[in-house]
Amino acid sequence: MGAPTRSFILLSAVFCIVSCHVAFGTISEDDEEILRRGPISKSDYLLGSVLAVVPGFGIGHAVEGSYKNKGWFFSVGEVGALFGAVAFAKDCHDPFASSSIKNCGGTYVMAGVYAALRIWEIFDAWIAPSRQNILYDRLKWDMKREYQGLLLMPMPLTSKNIPGIAASYTF
């Protein structure tokens, strides 16, 4: 094995690694998660949206497949807000306290937190699936497209395997 052949093998390996990295790149963890979950079907979208409105508590997100990302937050938040409202309600409705001593502020704050979480959950259940589907379609399209950019390939210039480089740029 002569020196030009060793150089050619070394250059081939280096350019192959560089070209493959440039050509195929890497995908982010968020994009991997979107591709793993796939598109949300219309039936899951409609059922999940209705369940987000009626019972709530993250059930709609579970149907849509996003419970791990966001649905758990609504389950924990809404249950916590309800328990907090009930806990503060005992101070608000104390039959032995005069009306000037009653403290209903905590109950109102917790009821407001619950209402805010419900509104957020409903909007998120109706809007997020279409966003998920759009991102999924975009990622699938990007993966199907032909590579665009600079591609370097090792290539022998003569029959004696003298190393060379072929460059290609597509746009």
N, C-alpha and C. Protein backbone atom coordinates (compact mmCIF):
# COMPACT_ATOMS: atom_id res chain seq x y z
N MET A 1 0.87 -1.18 0.00
CA MET A 1 0.00 0.00 0.00
C MET A 1 0.90 1.23 0.00
N GLY A 2 0.84 2.03 -1.04
CA GLY A 2 1.68 3.20 -1.14
C GLY A 2 1.15 4.37 -0.34
N ALA A 3 1.94 5.42 -0.25
CA ALA A 3 1.57 6.60 0.53
C ALA A 3 0.32 7.29 -0.02
N PRO A 4 0.16 7.42 -1.34
CA PRO A 4 -1.06 8.08 -1.82
C PRO A 4 -2.33 7.33 -1.43
N THR A 5 -2.26 6.02 -1.36
CA THR A 5 -3.44 5.25 -0.99
C THR A 5 -3.81 5.48 0.47
N ARG A 6 -2.81 5.52 1.36
CA ARG A 6 -3.07 5.80 2.77
C ARG A 6 -3.67 7.20 2.93
N SER A 7 -3.11 8.14 2.23
CA SER A 7 -3.63 9.51 2.29
C SER A 7 -5.07 9.55 1.79
N PHE A 8 -5.32 8.81 0.73
CA PHE A 8 -6.68 8.79 0.17
C PHE A 8 -7.67 8.20 1.18
N ILE A 9 -7.28 7.12 1.85
CA ILE A 9 -8.16 6.50 2.84
C ILE A 9 -8.41 7.46 3.99
N LEU A 10 -7.36 8.12 4.47
CA LEU A 10 -7.51 9.07 5.57
C LEU A 10 -8.39 10.24 5.16
N LEU A 11 -8.13 10.81 3.99
CA LEU A 11 -8.96 11.92 3.51
C LEU A 11 -10.40 11.46 3.29
N SER A 12 -10.58 10.27 2.78
CA SER A 12 -11.93 9.75 2.57
C SER A 12 -12.69 9.67 3.87
N ALA A 13 -12.04 9.15 4.91
CA ALA A 13 -12.70 9.02 6.20
C ALA A 13 -13.07 10.38 6.77
N VAL A 14 -12.12 11.33 6.72
CA VAL A 14 -12.37 12.67 7.27
C VAL A 14 -13.51 13.36 6.51
N PHE A 15 -13.46 13.36 5.21
CA PHE A 15 -14.49 14.05 4.43
C PHE A 15 -15.84 13.35 4.51
N CYS A 16 -15.81 12.04 4.65
CA CYS A 16 -17.07 11.33 4.81
C CYS A 16 -17.74 11.72 6.11
N ILE A 17 -16.96 11.80 7.18
CA ILE A 17 -17.52 12.20 8.48
C ILE A 17 -18.04 13.63 8.42
N VAL A 18 -17.25 14.55 7.86
CA VAL A 18 -17.66 15.95 7.77
C VAL A 18 -18.88 16.09 6.88
N SER A 19 -18.87 15.43 5.72
CA SER A 19 -19.98 15.55 4.78
C SER A 19 -21.26 14.97 5.36
N CYS A 20 -21.16 13.83 6.02
CA CYS A 20 -22.36 13.23 6.60
C CYS A 20 -22.93 14.14 7.67
N HIS A 21 -22.08 14.76 8.47
CA HIS A 21 -22.59 15.65 9.51
C HIS A 21 -23.24 16.88 8.88
N VAL A 22 -22.59 17.44 7.84
CA VAL A 22 -23.16 18.62 7.19
C VAL A 22 -24.44 18.25 6.45
N ALA A 23 -24.44 17.11 5.77
CA ALA A 23 -25.59 16.74 4.95
C ALA A 23 -26.80 16.36 5.78
N PHE A 24 -26.61 15.60 6.82
CA PHE A 24 -27.76 15.08 7.54
C PHE A 24 -28.03 15.80 8.85
N GLY A 25 -27.02 16.47 9.39
CA GLY A 25 -27.22 17.27 10.59
C GLY A 25 -27.76 16.45 11.75
N THR A 26 -28.28 17.15 12.72
CA THR A 26 -28.86 16.48 13.87
C THR A 26 -30.26 17.05 14.09
N ILE A 27 -31.04 16.31 14.83
CA ILE A 27 -32.40 16.75 15.11
C ILE A 27 -32.51 17.01 16.61
N SER A 28 -33.24 18.04 16.98
CA SER A 28 -33.35 18.41 18.39
C SER A 28 -34.23 17.41 19.14
N GLU A 29 -34.14 17.41 20.47
CA GLU A 29 -34.96 16.52 21.28
C GLU A 29 -36.44 16.86 21.14
N ASP A 30 -36.75 18.17 21.04
CA ASP A 30 -38.15 18.57 20.85
C ASP A 30 -38.71 18.03 19.54
N ASP A 31 -37.90 18.12 18.48
CA ASP A 31 -38.34 17.60 17.19
C ASP A 31 -38.48 16.08 17.22
N GLU A 32 -37.58 15.40 17.93
CA GLU A 32 -37.71 13.95 18.09
C GLU A 32 -39.02 13.60 18.79
N GLU A 33 -39.38 14.38 19.80
CA GLU A 33 -40.61 14.12 20.54
C GLU A 33 -41.83 14.34 19.64
N ILE A 34 -41.80 15.38 18.81
CA ILE A 34 -42.91 15.64 17.88
C ILE A 34 -43.04 14.50 16.89
N LEU A 35 -41.92 14.02 16.37
CA LEU A 35 -41.96 12.91 15.41
C LEU A 35 -42.41 11.61 16.09
N ARG A 36 -41.99 11.41 17.34
CA ARG A 36 -42.39 10.20 18.07
C ARG A 36 -43.89 10.16 18.31
N ARG A 37 -44.45 11.32 18.71
CA ARG A 37 -45.88 11.39 19.00
C ARG A 37 -46.71 11.30 17.73
N GLY A 38 -46.19 11.81 16.64
CA GLY A 38 -46.92 11.77 15.38
C GLY A 38 -48.05 12.78 15.35
N PRO A 39 -48.81 12.78 14.27
CA PRO A 39 -49.92 13.73 14.17
C PRO A 39 -51.08 13.30 15.08
N ILE A 40 -51.85 14.28 15.51
CA ILE A 40 -53.02 14.02 16.34
C ILE A 40 -54.22 13.89 15.42
N SER A 41 -54.91 12.76 15.52
CA SER A 41 -56.05 12.52 14.63
C SER A 41 -57.19 13.47 14.97
N LYS A 42 -58.10 13.64 14.02
CA LYS A 42 -59.24 14.53 14.25
C LYS A 42 -60.14 14.02 15.36
N SER A 43 -60.30 12.69 15.45
CA SER A 43 -61.16 12.15 16.52
C SER A 43 -60.53 12.38 17.90
N ASP A 44 -59.20 12.19 18.01
CA ASP A 44 -58.52 12.47 19.29
C ASP A 44 -58.58 13.96 19.61
N TYR A 45 -58.44 14.78 18.58
CA TYR A 45 -58.51 16.24 18.77
C TYR A 45 -59.88 16.65 19.31
N LEU A 46 -60.93 16.18 18.67
CA LEU A 46 -62.28 16.56 19.10
C LEU A 46 -62.64 16.00 20.48
N LEU A 47 -62.35 14.73 20.71
CA LEU A 47 -62.65 14.13 22.00
C LEU A 47 -61.82 14.78 23.11
N GLY A 48 -60.53 15.01 22.84
CA GLY A 48 -59.68 15.66 23.83
C GLY A 48 -60.12 17.07 24.15
N SER A 49 -60.54 17.80 23.13
CA SER A 49 -61.00 19.17 23.35
C SER A 49 -62.28 19.20 24.18
N VAL A 50 -63.20 18.30 23.90
CA VAL A 50 -64.44 18.24 24.67
C VAL A 50 -64.15 17.84 26.12
N LEU A 51 -63.28 16.85 26.32
CA LEU A 51 -62.94 16.42 27.67
C LEU A 51 -62.15 17.48 28.44
N ALA A 52 -61.47 18.35 27.73
CA ALA A 52 -60.78 19.45 28.41
C ALA A 52 -61.78 20.49 28.90
N VAL A 53 -62.89 20.63 28.19
CA VAL A 53 -63.92 21.60 28.60
C VAL A 53 -64.78 21.06 29.73
N VAL A 54 -65.27 19.83 29.60
CA VAL A 54 -66.25 19.32 30.56
C VAL A 54 -65.61 18.88 31.88
N PRO A 55 -64.84 17.77 31.95
CA PRO A 55 -64.29 17.46 33.27
C PRO A 55 -62.98 18.21 33.56
N GLY A 56 -62.16 18.43 32.53
CA GLY A 56 -60.89 19.09 32.78
C GLY A 56 -59.87 18.16 33.42
N PHE A 57 -59.07 18.69 34.30
CA PHE A 57 -58.07 17.94 35.06
C PHE A 57 -57.04 17.23 34.18
N GLY A 58 -56.77 17.74 33.00
CA GLY A 58 -55.76 17.17 32.11
C GLY A 58 -56.23 15.97 31.32
N ILE A 59 -57.49 15.59 31.45
CA ILE A 59 -57.99 14.40 30.75
C ILE A 59 -57.96 14.61 29.23
N GLY A 60 -58.31 15.79 28.78
CA GLY A 60 -58.27 16.08 27.34
C GLY A 60 -56.86 15.99 26.79
N HIS A 61 -55.89 16.44 27.56
CA HIS A 61 -54.50 16.35 27.12
C HIS A 61 -54.04 14.90 27.06
N ALA A 62 -54.55 14.06 27.97
CA ALA A 62 -54.20 12.64 27.95
C ALA A 62 -54.73 11.99 26.67
N VAL A 63 -55.94 12.35 26.26
CA VAL A 63 -56.51 11.80 25.03
C VAL A 63 -55.71 12.26 23.82
N GLU A 64 -55.28 13.51 23.83
CA GLU A 64 -54.52 14.07 22.70
C GLU A 64 -53.07 13.61 22.71
N GLY A 65 -52.62 12.95 23.77
CA GLY A 65 -51.26 12.44 23.82
C GLY A 65 -50.24 13.41 24.37
N SER A 66 -50.67 14.47 25.03
CA SER A 66 -49.72 15.44 25.56
C SER A 66 -49.79 15.55 27.08
N TYR A 67 -50.22 14.49 27.74
CA TYR A 67 -50.33 14.54 29.20
C TYR A 67 -48.96 14.68 29.85
N LYS A 68 -47.97 13.97 29.33
CA LYS A 68 -46.62 14.02 29.90
C LYS A 68 -46.02 15.42 29.78
N ASN A 69 -46.33 16.12 28.73
CA ASN A 69 -45.77 17.46 28.52
C ASN A 69 -46.50 18.53 29.31
N LYS A 70 -47.83 18.55 29.24
CA LYS A 70 -48.60 19.63 29.87
C LYS A 70 -49.78 19.17 30.70
N GLY A 71 -50.38 18.06 30.36
CA GLY A 71 -51.61 17.63 31.03
C GLY A 71 -51.46 17.43 32.53
N TRP A 72 -50.31 16.89 32.95
CA TRP A 72 -50.09 16.66 34.38
C TRP A 72 -50.15 17.97 35.15
N PHE A 73 -49.69 19.05 34.54
CA PHE A 73 -49.69 20.35 35.19
C PHE A 73 -51.12 20.79 35.51
N PHE A 74 -52.02 20.55 34.57
CA PHE A 74 -53.43 20.91 34.80
C PHE A 74 -54.06 20.01 35.85
N SER A 75 -53.71 18.72 35.85
CA SER A 75 -54.25 17.82 36.87
C SER A 75 -53.83 18.26 38.26
N VAL A 76 -52.55 18.46 38.45
CA VAL A 76 -52.03 18.85 39.77
C VAL A 76 -52.51 20.25 40.15
N GLY A 77 -52.46 21.18 39.22
CA GLY A 77 -52.86 22.56 39.51
C GLY A 77 -54.33 22.70 39.87
N GLU A 78 -55.19 22.05 39.10
CA GLU A 78 -56.63 22.18 39.36
C GLU A 78 -57.03 21.49 40.66
N VAL A 79 -56.47 20.31 40.93
CA VAL A 79 -56.77 19.62 42.19
C VAL A 79 -56.24 20.44 43.36
N GLY A 80 -55.04 20.97 43.23
CA GLY A 80 -54.47 21.81 44.30
C GLY A 80 -55.28 23.07 44.55
N ALA A 81 -55.72 23.70 43.47
CA ALA A 81 -56.54 24.92 43.63
C ALA A 81 -57.88 24.61 44.29
N LEU A 82 -58.49 23.50 43.93
CA LEU A 82 -59.76 23.12 44.57
C LEU A 82 -59.55 22.80 46.05
N PHE A 83 -58.53 22.04 46.39
CA PHE A 83 -58.26 21.75 47.79
C PHE A 83 -57.94 23.03 48.57
N GLY A 84 -57.20 23.93 47.93
CA GLY A 84 -56.90 25.21 48.58
C GLY A 84 -58.15 26.03 48.82
N ALA A 85 -59.04 26.06 47.84
CA ALA A 85 -60.28 26.82 48.00
C ALA A 85 -61.13 26.24 49.13
N VAL A 86 -61.18 24.91 49.20
CA VAL A 86 -61.95 24.26 50.27
C VAL A 86 -61.30 24.54 51.63
N ALA A 87 -59.98 24.49 51.69
CA ALA A 87 -59.28 24.75 52.96
C ALA A 87 -59.51 26.19 53.43
N PHE A 88 -59.48 27.13 52.53
CA PHE A 88 -59.71 28.53 52.91
C PHE A 88 -61.19 28.81 53.17
N ALA A 89 -62.06 27.98 52.61
CA ALA A 89 -63.50 28.22 52.76
C ALA A 89 -63.95 28.11 54.22
N LYS A 90 -63.26 27.32 55.02
CA LYS A 90 -63.66 27.19 56.43
C LYS A 90 -63.52 28.52 57.16
N ASP A 91 -62.53 29.34 56.77
CA ASP A 91 -62.39 30.66 57.38
C ASP A 91 -63.45 31.62 56.86
N CYS A 92 -63.89 31.39 55.67
CA CYS A 92 -64.85 32.29 55.04
C CYS A 92 -66.26 32.06 55.56
N HIS A 93 -66.59 30.85 55.90
CA HIS A 93 -67.96 30.52 56.31
C HIS A 93 -68.03 30.05 57.77
N ASP A 94 -67.28 30.68 58.62
CA ASP A 94 -67.31 30.34 60.05
C ASP A 94 -68.60 30.91 60.66
N PRO A 95 -69.52 30.07 61.12
CA PRO A 95 -70.80 30.58 61.63
C PRO A 95 -70.66 31.35 62.94
N PHE A 96 -69.54 31.18 63.62
CA PHE A 96 -69.35 31.86 64.90
C PHE A 96 -68.62 33.19 64.78
N ALA A 97 -68.12 33.48 63.60
CA ALA A 97 -67.40 34.75 63.40
C ALA A 97 -68.38 35.82 62.91
N SER A 98 -68.10 37.05 63.31
CA SER A 98 -68.92 38.15 62.81
C SER A 98 -68.55 38.41 61.35
N SER A 99 -69.41 39.10 60.63
CA SER A 99 -69.18 39.31 59.20
C SER A 99 -67.92 40.14 58.95
N SER A 100 -67.51 40.98 59.89
CA SER A 100 -66.32 41.81 59.67
C SER A 100 -65.03 41.00 59.86
N ILE A 101 -65.09 39.85 60.53
CA ILE A 101 -63.90 39.06 60.79
C ILE A 101 -63.71 37.97 59.73
N LYS A 102 -64.71 37.65 58.97
CA LYS A 102 -64.61 36.59 57.97
C LYS A 102 -63.51 36.91 56.96
N ASN A 103 -62.72 35.89 56.66
CA ASN A 103 -61.60 36.06 55.72
C ASN A 103 -61.85 35.15 54.52
N CYS A 104 -62.34 35.73 53.44
CA CYS A 104 -62.64 34.95 52.22
C CYS A 104 -61.60 35.16 51.13
N GLY A 105 -60.56 35.92 51.41
CA GLY A 105 -59.56 36.24 50.38
C GLY A 105 -58.88 35.01 49.81
N GLY A 106 -58.50 34.07 50.68
CA GLY A 106 -57.83 32.86 50.21
C GLY A 106 -58.71 32.04 49.29
N THR A 107 -59.98 31.95 49.64
CA THR A 107 -60.92 31.20 48.82
C THR A 107 -61.05 31.83 47.44
N TYR A 108 -61.14 33.15 47.41
CA TYR A 108 -61.27 33.85 46.13
C TYR A 108 -60.01 33.70 45.28
N VAL A 109 -58.85 33.78 45.93
CA VAL A 109 -57.59 33.62 45.19
C VAL A 109 -57.50 32.22 44.58
N MET A 110 -57.80 31.20 45.37
CA MET A 110 -57.72 29.83 44.89
C MET A 110 -58.77 29.56 43.80
N ALA A 111 -59.95 30.14 43.94
CA ALA A 111 -60.97 30.00 42.90
C ALA A 111 -60.51 30.68 41.62
N GLY A 112 -59.82 31.81 41.75
CA GLY A 112 -59.26 32.49 40.58
C GLY A 112 -58.17 31.68 39.91
N VAL A 113 -57.32 31.03 40.72
CA VAL A 113 -56.28 30.17 40.17
C VAL A 113 -56.92 29.00 39.41
N TYR A 114 -57.94 28.41 40.00
CA TYR A 114 -58.64 27.30 39.34
C TYR A 114 -59.25 27.77 38.01
N ALA A 115 -59.91 28.92 38.03
CA ALA A 115 -60.53 29.45 36.80
C ALA A 115 -59.47 29.73 35.73
N ALA A 116 -58.35 30.30 36.14
CA ALA A 116 -57.28 30.60 35.18
C ALA A 116 -56.72 29.32 34.57
N LEU A 117 -56.52 28.30 35.41
CA LEU A 117 -56.03 27.02 34.89
C LEU A 117 -57.02 26.38 33.93
N ARG A 118 -58.30 26.45 34.25
CA ARG A 118 -59.33 25.87 33.37
C ARG A 118 -59.33 26.57 32.02
N ILE A 119 -59.29 27.91 32.03
CA ILE A 119 -59.29 28.66 30.77
C ILE A 119 -58.05 28.32 29.95
N TRP A 120 -56.89 28.27 30.60
CA TRP A 120 -55.64 27.93 29.93
C TRP A 120 -55.73 26.52 29.34
N GLU A 121 -56.25 25.58 30.12
CA GLU A 121 -56.37 24.19 29.67
C GLU A 121 -57.27 24.08 28.45
N ILE A 122 -58.39 24.78 28.47
CA ILE A 122 -59.34 24.71 27.35
C ILE A 122 -58.71 25.28 26.08
N PHE A 123 -58.10 26.46 26.18
CA PHE A 123 -57.47 27.03 25.00
C PHE A 123 -56.33 26.15 24.49
N ASP A 124 -55.54 25.61 25.42
CA ASP A 124 -54.42 24.78 25.01
C ASP A 124 -54.90 23.50 24.33
N ALA A 125 -55.96 22.90 24.84
CA ALA A 125 -56.48 21.67 24.24
C ALA A 125 -57.05 21.93 22.84
N TRP A 126 -57.57 23.12 22.58
CA TRP A 126 -58.11 23.42 21.26
C TRP A 126 -57.05 23.89 20.27
N ILE A 127 -55.98 24.52 20.76
CA ILE A 127 -54.99 25.12 19.86
C ILE A 127 -53.76 24.24 19.65
N ALA A 128 -53.26 23.60 20.69
CA ALA A 128 -52.00 22.85 20.61
C ALA A 128 -52.01 21.71 19.59
N PRO A 129 -53.09 20.95 19.43
CA PRO A 129 -53.03 19.86 18.44
C PRO A 129 -52.78 20.34 17.01
N SER A 130 -53.37 21.44 16.62
CA SER A 130 -53.11 21.93 15.26
C SER A 130 -51.65 22.37 15.13
N ARG A 131 -51.10 22.95 16.18
CA ARG A 131 -49.68 23.33 16.17
C ARG A 131 -48.81 22.08 16.07
N GLN A 132 -49.15 21.04 16.84
CA GLN A 132 -48.42 19.77 16.79
C GLN A 132 -48.45 19.19 15.39
N ASN A 133 -49.61 19.20 14.75
CA ASN A 133 -49.73 18.64 13.41
C ASN A 133 -48.95 19.45 12.38
N ILE A 134 -48.95 20.76 12.52
CA ILE A 134 -48.19 21.61 11.60
C ILE A 134 -46.69 21.34 11.74
N LEU A 135 -46.20 21.27 12.99
CA LEU A 135 -44.78 20.98 13.22
C LEU A 135 -44.41 19.59 12.71
N TYR A 136 -45.28 18.62 12.95
CA TYR A 136 -45.03 17.26 12.48
C TYR A 136 -44.92 17.24 10.95
N ASP A 137 -45.87 17.86 10.27
CA ASP A 137 -45.84 17.89 8.80
C ASP A 137 -44.58 18.59 8.28
N ARG A 138 -44.19 19.69 8.93
CA ARG A 138 -42.98 20.41 8.52
C ARG A 138 -41.74 19.54 8.68
N LEU A 139 -41.63 18.84 9.82
CA LEU A 139 -40.47 17.98 10.05
C LEU A 139 -40.43 16.83 9.05
N LYS A 140 -41.57 16.21 8.77
CA LYS A 140 -41.60 15.12 7.80
C LYS A 140 -41.22 15.63 6.40
N TRP A 141 -41.68 16.83 6.05
CA TRP A 141 -41.33 17.41 4.75
C TRP A 141 -39.84 17.69 4.66
N ASP A 142 -39.29 18.25 5.74
CA ASP A 142 -37.85 18.55 5.76
C ASP A 142 -37.02 17.28 5.64
N MET A 143 -37.49 16.19 6.23
CA MET A 143 -36.74 14.94 6.16
C MET A 143 -36.81 14.32 4.77
N LYS A 144 -37.87 14.60 4.01
CA LYS A 144 -38.02 14.03 2.67
C LYS A 144 -37.27 14.83 1.62
N ARG A 145 -37.11 16.12 1.90
CA ARG A 145 -36.47 16.97 0.89
C ARG A 145 -35.05 16.51 0.61
N GLU A 146 -34.64 16.78 -0.61
CA GLU A 146 -33.26 16.50 -0.97
C GLU A 146 -32.37 17.44 -0.18
N TYR A 147 -31.19 16.97 0.17
CA TYR A 147 -30.26 17.80 0.92
C TYR A 147 -29.92 19.06 0.13
N GLN A 148 -29.90 20.17 0.82
CA GLN A 148 -29.52 21.44 0.20
C GLN A 148 -28.30 21.99 0.93
N GLY A 149 -27.26 22.29 0.21
CA GLY A 149 -26.06 22.87 0.80
C GLY A 149 -24.80 22.26 0.19
N LEU A 150 -23.69 22.43 0.91
CA LEU A 150 -22.38 21.99 0.45
C LEU A 150 -22.15 20.54 0.83
N LEU A 151 -21.69 19.76 -0.12
CA LEU A 151 -21.36 18.36 0.13
C LEU A 151 -19.97 18.10 -0.44
N LEU A 152 -19.06 17.65 0.41
CA LEU A 152 -17.69 17.33 0.00
C LEU A 152 -17.53 15.82 -0.01
N MET A 153 -16.98 15.30 -1.10
CA MET A 153 -16.79 13.86 -1.21
C MET A 153 -15.35 13.59 -1.67
N PRO A 154 -14.69 12.60 -1.05
CA PRO A 154 -13.37 12.21 -1.55
C PRO A 154 -13.52 11.45 -2.87
N MET A 155 -12.58 11.67 -3.76
CA MET A 155 -12.69 11.03 -5.07
C MET A 155 -11.29 10.90 -5.66
N PRO A 156 -10.95 9.72 -6.15
CA PRO A 156 -9.63 9.59 -6.79
C PRO A 156 -9.63 10.36 -8.11
N LEU A 157 -8.52 11.04 -8.36
CA LEU A 157 -8.43 11.85 -9.57
C LEU A 157 -7.98 11.05 -10.79
N THR A 158 -7.20 10.00 -10.55
CA THR A 158 -6.71 9.21 -11.67
C THR A 158 -6.87 7.74 -11.34
N SER A 159 -6.47 6.90 -12.25
CA SER A 159 -6.55 5.47 -12.02
C SER A 159 -5.52 5.01 -11.00
N LYS A 160 -4.54 5.86 -10.66
CA LYS A 160 -3.52 5.49 -9.67
C LYS A 160 -3.97 5.83 -8.25
N ASN A 161 -5.25 6.17 -8.06
CA ASN A 161 -5.84 6.49 -6.76
C ASN A 161 -5.17 7.68 -6.08
N ILE A 162 -4.82 8.67 -6.85
CA ILE A 162 -4.31 9.90 -6.25
C ILE A 162 -5.51 10.61 -5.63
N PRO A 163 -5.41 10.95 -4.34
CA PRO A 163 -6.61 11.51 -3.65
C PRO A 163 -7.00 12.86 -4.21
N GLY A 164 -8.31 13.06 -4.24
CA GLY A 164 -8.87 14.32 -4.65
C GLY A 164 -10.17 14.58 -3.91
N ILE A 165 -10.74 15.75 -4.12
CA ILE A 165 -11.98 16.10 -3.44
C ILE A 165 -12.97 16.58 -4.49
N ALA A 166 -14.19 16.08 -4.39
CA ALA A 166 -15.28 16.55 -5.24
C ALA A 166 -16.22 17.39 -4.37
N ALA A 167 -16.54 18.57 -4.83
CA ALA A 167 -17.44 19.44 -4.08
C ALA A 167 -18.71 19.63 -4.89
N SER A 168 -19.82 19.65 -4.17
CA SER A 168 -21.11 19.83 -4.81
C SER A 168 -21.94 20.78 -3.94
N TYR A 169 -22.61 21.73 -4.57
CA TYR A 169 -23.47 22.64 -3.83
C TYR A 169 -24.84 22.63 -4.49
N THR A 170 -25.85 22.25 -3.72
CA THR A 170 -27.22 22.25 -4.25
C THR A 170 -28.04 23.28 -3.53
N PHE A 171 -28.96 23.88 -4.25
CA PHE A 171 -29.83 24.90 -3.63
C PHE A 171 -31.21 24.82 -4.24
